[in-house]
Amino acid sequence: MNGTTMATDESVGSNAKGLASRRPQRPIFDGSSALRNYMHEQFAQEIARLSEQAALGKAGQDAYVAVGFSRHRRNHVRLLRQERVAKRIEWLRFEREAAAQAARVSPGKIIAELHARGIERFDDLIERNAAGVVSVRDYSSCLPVEVGIGALKMVHAAFGIKTPIGGLP
């Protein structure tokens, strides 16, 4: 042999496994972002407004046709069962429920909940980066969703903002 080594089947196999483990993994879809397919996203939004029972029946079929698909007896059910569409519908229903709960929370309760978590001033809710961009701090681990939505609605009304914030009416 001339000083070079030949790779054995075993070393090639371990190298292939190493390359596969370094490949970027596709992030897990939790339903919080819109679906890439516009018609699937519109369908998910229509279905999220319906009860689970209605989504499987005539109303689900009507939602399927309303977004531009051709009427077919069971295709809407097939689309409902796709993992990404099902997760998106679940997320949209969660958001609707949180918004409904926020509408029932009184301003006094919102302020009391914020105070209980050490949020005394508006400045405690937001942060500003080096470029001056303002964003809402992440309190998702310690603040109920309905309280956060209620607080944003209060700020929205207090400043007389005419456009909705993140889909909030």
C-alpha atoms as a PDB file:
ATOM      1  CA  MET A   1       0.000   0.000   0.000  1.00  0.00           C
ATOM      2  CA  ASN A   2       1.244   3.499  -0.675  1.00  0.00           C
ATOM      3  CA  GLY A   3       0.619   5.130   2.713  1.00  0.00           C
ATOM      4  CA  THR A   4      -3.052   5.831   2.224  1.00  0.00           C
ATOM      5  CA  THR A   5      -5.672   4.032   4.218  1.00  0.00           C
ATOM      6  CA  MET A   6      -8.822   2.632   2.816  1.00  0.00           C
ATOM      7  CA  ALA A   7     -12.097   3.332   4.564  1.00  0.00           C
ATOM      8  CA  THR A   8     -13.839   0.303   5.934  1.00  0.00           C
ATOM      9  CA  ASP A   9     -17.568  -0.233   5.670  1.00  0.00           C
ATOM     10  CA  GLU A  10     -17.819   0.438   9.380  1.00  0.00           C
ATOM     11  CA  SER A  11     -16.099   3.843   9.211  1.00  0.00           C
ATOM     12  CA  VAL A  12     -18.190   4.905   6.212  1.00  0.00           C
ATOM     13  CA  GLY A  13     -21.363   3.927   8.045  1.00  0.00           C
ATOM     14  CA  SER A  14     -20.448   5.909  11.149  1.00  0.00           C
ATOM     15  CA  ASN A  15     -19.548   8.921   9.002  1.00  0.00           C
ATOM     16  CA  ALA A  16     -22.918   8.767   7.250  1.00  0.00           C
ATOM     17  CA  LYS A  17     -24.661   8.654  10.607  1.00  0.00           C
ATOM     18  CA  GLY A  18     -22.619  11.647  11.747  1.00  0.00           C
ATOM     19  CA  LEU A  19     -23.618  13.671   8.696  1.00  0.00           C
ATOM     20  CA  ALA A  20     -27.267  12.818   9.187  1.00  0.00           C
ATOM     21  CA  SER A  21     -27.180  13.989  12.785  1.00  0.00           C
ATOM     22  CA  ARG A  22     -25.676  17.341  11.717  1.00  0.00           C
ATOM     23  CA  ARG A  23     -28.435  18.024   9.213  1.00  0.00           C
ATOM     24  CA  PRO A  24     -30.731  20.779  10.496  1.00  0.00           C
ATOM     25  CA  GLN A  25     -33.905  19.307  11.840  1.00  0.00           C
ATOM     26  CA  ARG A  26     -37.220  20.717  10.689  1.00  0.00           C
ATOM     27  CA  PRO A  27     -38.746  22.723  13.543  1.00  0.00           C
ATOM     28  CA  ILE A  28     -41.810  21.263  15.198  1.00  0.00           C
ATOM     29  CA  PHE A  29     -44.951  23.035  14.035  1.00  0.00           C
ATOM     30  CA  ASP A  30     -47.135  24.073  16.974  1.00  0.00           C
ATOM     31  CA  GLY A  31     -49.817  25.867  14.968  1.00  0.00           C
ATOM     32  CA  SER A  32     -48.950  29.391  16.084  1.00  0.00           C
ATOM     33  CA  SER A  33     -47.865  30.561  12.637  1.00  0.00           C
ATOM     34  CA  ALA A  34     -49.990  30.712   9.517  1.00  0.00           C
ATOM     35  CA  LEU A  35     -49.958  27.782   7.129  1.00  0.00           C
ATOM     36  CA  ARG A  36     -47.933  28.285   3.949  1.00  0.00           C
ATOM     37  CA  ASN A  37     -50.786  27.205   1.714  1.00  0.00           C
ATOM     38  CA  TYR A  38     -53.177  30.165   1.637  1.00  0.00           C
ATOM     39  CA  MET A  39     -56.271  28.036   1.027  1.00  0.00           C
ATOM     40  CA  HIS A  40     -55.385  25.693   3.890  1.00  0.00           C
ATOM     41  CA  GLU A  41     -54.934  28.710   6.188  1.00  0.00           C
ATOM     42  CA  GLN A  42     -58.287  30.176   5.159  1.00  0.00           C
ATOM     43  CA  PHE A  43     -59.928  26.770   5.666  1.00  0.00           C
ATOM     44  CA  ALA A  44     -58.370  26.471   9.146  1.00  0.00           C
ATOM     45  CA  GLN A  45     -59.681  29.920  10.086  1.00  0.00           C
ATOM     46  CA  GLU A  46     -63.175  29.053   8.859  1.00  0.00           C
ATOM     47  CA  ILE A  47     -63.193  25.723  10.710  1.00  0.00           C
ATOM     48  CA  ALA A  48     -61.879  27.294  13.939  1.00  0.00           C
ATOM     49  CA  ARG A  49     -65.109  29.289  14.125  1.00  0.00           C
ATOM     50  CA  LEU A  50     -67.169  26.081  14.054  1.00  0.00           C
ATOM     51  CA  SER A  51     -67.709  23.446  16.713  1.00  0.00           C
ATOM     52  CA  GLU A  52     -65.859  20.151  16.225  1.00  0.00           C
ATOM     53  CA  GLN A  53     -69.097  18.377  15.319  1.00  0.00           C
ATOM     54  CA  ALA A  54     -70.123  21.033  12.792  1.00  0.00           C
ATOM     55  CA  ALA A  55     -66.657  20.954  11.199  1.00  0.00           C
ATOM     56  CA  LEU A  56     -67.126  17.308  10.253  1.00  0.00           C
ATOM     57  CA  GLY A  57     -70.551  17.875   8.703  1.00  0.00           C
ATOM     58  CA  LYS A  58     -72.232  20.165   6.208  1.00  0.00           C
ATOM     59  CA  ALA A  59     -70.776  23.363   7.726  1.00  0.00           C
ATOM     60  CA  GLY A  60     -67.232  22.001   7.305  1.00  0.00           C
ATOM     61  CA  GLN A  61     -67.985  21.083   3.715  1.00  0.00           C
ATOM     62  CA  ASP A  62     -69.340  24.604   3.123  1.00  0.00           C
ATOM     63  CA  ALA A  63     -66.167  26.113   4.638  1.00  0.00           C
ATOM     64  CA  TYR A  64     -64.116  23.920   2.289  1.00  0.00           C
ATOM     65  CA  VAL A  65     -65.996  25.254  -0.729  1.00  0.00           C
ATOM     66  CA  ALA A  66     -65.997  28.848   0.567  1.00  0.00           C
ATOM     67  CA  VAL A  67     -62.188  29.051   0.441  1.00  0.00           C
ATOM     68  CA  GLY A  68     -62.089  27.880  -3.178  1.00  0.00           C
ATOM     69  CA  PHE A  69     -61.938  24.093  -3.190  1.00  0.00           C
ATOM     70  CA  SER A  70     -64.316  22.038  -5.328  1.00  0.00           C
ATOM     71  CA  ARG A  71     -67.211  20.470  -3.465  1.00  0.00           C
ATOM     72  CA  HIS A  72     -66.557  16.854  -2.568  1.00  0.00           C
ATOM     73  CA  ARG A  73     -68.281  14.752   0.026  1.00  0.00           C
ATOM     74  CA  ARG A  74     -65.249  13.876   2.216  1.00  0.00           C
ATOM     75  CA  ASN A  75     -62.238  15.927   1.077  1.00  0.00           C
ATOM     76  CA  HIS A  76     -62.744  18.497   3.830  1.00  0.00           C
ATOM     77  CA  VAL A  77     -62.407  15.715   6.417  1.00  0.00           C
ATOM     78  CA  ARG A  78     -59.137  14.571   4.829  1.00  0.00           C
ATOM     79  CA  LEU A  79     -57.820  18.119   5.059  1.00  0.00           C
ATOM     80  CA  LEU A  80     -58.965  18.385   8.684  1.00  0.00           C
ATOM     81  CA  ARG A  81     -56.917  15.295   9.526  1.00  0.00           C
ATOM     82  CA  GLN A  82     -53.652  16.639   8.113  1.00  0.00           C
ATOM     83  CA  GLU A  83     -51.364  17.226  11.085  1.00  0.00           C
ATOM     84  CA  ARG A  84     -50.379  20.826  10.294  1.00  0.00           C
ATOM     85  CA  VAL A  85     -53.966  21.879   9.524  1.00  0.00           C
ATOM     86  CA  ALA A  86     -55.269  20.180  12.695  1.00  0.00           C
ATOM     87  CA  LYS A  87     -52.631  21.894  14.851  1.00  0.00           C
ATOM     88  CA  ARG A  88     -53.412  25.266  13.252  1.00  0.00           C
ATOM     89  CA  ILE A  89     -57.142  24.831  13.931  1.00  0.00           C
ATOM     90  CA  GLU A  90     -56.383  23.861  17.537  1.00  0.00           C
ATOM     91  CA  TRP A  91     -54.210  26.990  17.946  1.00  0.00           C
ATOM     92  CA  LEU A  92     -56.845  29.282  16.424  1.00  0.00           C
ATOM     93  CA  ARG A  93     -59.514  27.832  18.744  1.00  0.00           C
ATOM     94  CA  PHE A  94     -57.194  28.389  21.717  1.00  0.00           C
ATOM     95  CA  GLU A  95     -56.711  32.034  20.693  1.00  0.00           C
ATOM     96  CA  ARG A  96     -60.466  32.544  20.297  1.00  0.00           C
ATOM     97  CA  GLU A  97     -61.122  31.075  23.748  1.00  0.00           C
ATOM     98  CA  ALA A  98     -58.390  33.218  25.343  1.00  0.00           C
ATOM     99  CA  ALA A  99     -59.822  36.343  23.723  1.00  0.00           C
ATOM    100  CA  ALA A 100     -63.317  35.419  24.945  1.00  0.00           C
ATOM    101  CA  GLN A 101     -62.025  34.915  28.478  1.00  0.00           C
ATOM    102  CA  ALA A 102     -60.160  38.241  28.298  1.00  0.00           C
ATOM    103  CA  ALA A 103     -63.393  40.007  27.406  1.00  0.00           C
ATOM    104  CA  ARG A 104     -64.918  38.692  30.649  1.00  0.00           C
ATOM    105  CA  VAL A 105     -62.032  39.851  32.882  1.00  0.00           C
ATOM    106  CA  SER A 106     -62.677  43.192  34.553  1.00  0.00           C
ATOM    107  CA  PRO A 107     -60.046  45.960  34.417  1.00  0.00           C
ATOM    108  CA  GLY A 108     -59.737  45.761  38.215  1.00  0.00           C
ATOM    109  CA  LYS A 109     -58.876  42.069  38.057  1.00  0.00           C
ATOM    110  CA  ILE A 110     -56.358  42.679  35.281  1.00  0.00           C
ATOM    111  CA  ILE A 111     -54.613  45.375  37.325  1.00  0.00           C
ATOM    112  CA  ALA A 112     -54.669  43.187  40.452  1.00  0.00           C
ATOM    113  CA  GLU A 113     -53.132  40.247  38.529  1.00  0.00           C
ATOM    114  CA  LEU A 114     -50.429  42.490  37.076  1.00  0.00           C
ATOM    115  CA  HIS A 115     -49.614  43.919  40.521  1.00  0.00           C
ATOM    116  CA  ALA A 116     -49.476  40.411  42.003  1.00  0.00           C
ATOM    117  CA  ARG A 117     -46.728  39.579  39.502  1.00  0.00           C
ATOM    118  CA  GLY A 118     -44.698  42.729  40.173  1.00  0.00           C
ATOM    119  CA  ILE A 119     -45.898  44.695  37.149  1.00  0.00           C
ATOM    120  CA  GLU A 120     -46.573  48.128  38.624  1.00  0.00           C
ATOM    121  CA  ARG A 121     -46.131  50.430  35.630  1.00  0.00           C
ATOM    122  CA  PHE A 122     -46.624  50.332  31.873  1.00  0.00           C
ATOM    123  CA  ASP A 123     -42.828  50.369  31.483  1.00  0.00           C
ATOM    124  CA  ASP A 124     -42.729  46.976  33.216  1.00  0.00           C
ATOM    125  CA  LEU A 125     -44.812  45.463  30.379  1.00  0.00           C
ATOM    126  CA  ILE A 126     -42.596  46.600  27.529  1.00  0.00           C
ATOM    127  CA  GLU A 127     -38.941  46.703  26.629  1.00  0.00           C
ATOM    128  CA  ARG A 128     -37.010  48.772  24.136  1.00  0.00           C
ATOM    129  CA  ASN A 129     -34.007  47.386  22.237  1.00  0.00           C
ATOM    130  CA  ALA A 130     -30.865  49.329  21.211  1.00  0.00           C
ATOM    131  CA  ALA A 131     -32.562  50.464  17.982  1.00  0.00           C
ATOM    132  CA  GLY A 132     -35.496  51.873  19.958  1.00  0.00           C
ATOM    133  CA  VAL A 133     -37.992  49.242  18.848  1.00  0.00           C
ATOM    134  CA  VAL A 134     -40.618  48.595  21.526  1.00  0.00           C
ATOM    135  CA  SER A 135     -41.885  45.081  22.185  1.00  0.00           C
ATOM    136  CA  VAL A 136     -44.044  43.466  24.847  1.00  0.00           C
ATOM    137  CA  ARG A 137     -42.057  41.393  27.336  1.00  0.00           C
ATOM    138  CA  ASP A 138     -42.725  37.660  27.477  1.00  0.00           C
ATOM    139  CA  TYR A 139     -44.743  36.924  30.603  1.00  0.00           C
ATOM    140  CA  SER A 140     -46.297  33.742  29.170  1.00  0.00           C
ATOM    141  CA  SER A 141     -44.812  31.554  31.896  1.00  0.00           C
ATOM    142  CA  CYS A 142     -46.310  33.512  34.798  1.00  0.00           C
ATOM    143  CA  LEU A 143     -49.263  35.514  33.471  1.00  0.00           C
ATOM    144  CA  PRO A 144     -52.599  34.028  32.368  1.00  0.00           C
ATOM    145  CA  VAL A 145     -53.227  34.601  28.669  1.00  0.00           C
ATOM    146  CA  GLU A 146     -56.581  36.289  29.258  1.00  0.00           C
ATOM    147  CA  VAL A 147     -54.965  38.813  31.623  1.00  0.00           C
ATOM    148  CA  GLY A 148     -52.290  39.648  29.040  1.00  0.00           C
ATOM    149  CA  ILE A 149     -54.868  40.119  26.294  1.00  0.00           C
ATOM    150  CA  GLY A 150     -57.024  42.215  28.624  1.00  0.00           C
ATOM    151  CA  ALA A 151     -54.040  44.427  29.492  1.00  0.00           C
ATOM    152  CA  LEU A 152     -53.271  44.976  25.805  1.00  0.00           C
ATOM    153  CA  LYS A 153     -56.907  45.875  25.153  1.00  0.00           C
ATOM    154  CA  MET A 154     -56.841  48.384  28.038  1.00  0.00           C
ATOM    155  CA  VAL A 155     -53.685  50.020  26.634  1.00  0.00           C
ATOM    156  CA  HIS A 156     -55.239  49.945  23.163  1.00  0.00           C
ATOM    157  CA  ALA A 157     -58.324  51.798  24.414  1.00  0.00           C
ATOM    158  CA  ALA A 158     -56.377  54.188  26.656  1.00  0.00           C
ATOM    159  CA  PHE A 159     -54.250  55.471  23.798  1.00  0.00           C
ATOM    160  CA  GLY A 160     -57.164  55.621  21.357  1.00  0.00           C
ATOM    161  CA  ILE A 161     -55.497  53.320  18.851  1.00  0.00           C
ATOM    162  CA  LYS A 162     -57.883  52.858  15.925  1.00  0.00           C
ATOM    163  CA  THR A 163     -56.325  49.750  14.356  1.00  0.00           C
ATOM    164  CA  PRO A 164     -56.496  46.334  15.998  1.00  0.00           C
ATOM    165  CA  ILE A 165     -53.435  44.996  17.803  1.00  0.00           C
ATOM    166  CA  GLY A 166     -52.499  41.492  16.644  1.00  0.00           C
ATOM    167  CA  GLY A 167     -56.045  40.631  15.643  1.00  0.00           C
ATOM    168  CA  LEU A 168     -57.600  42.016  18.854  1.00  0.00           C
ATOM    169  CA  PRO A 169     -60.773  43.976  18.155  1.00  0.00           C
END
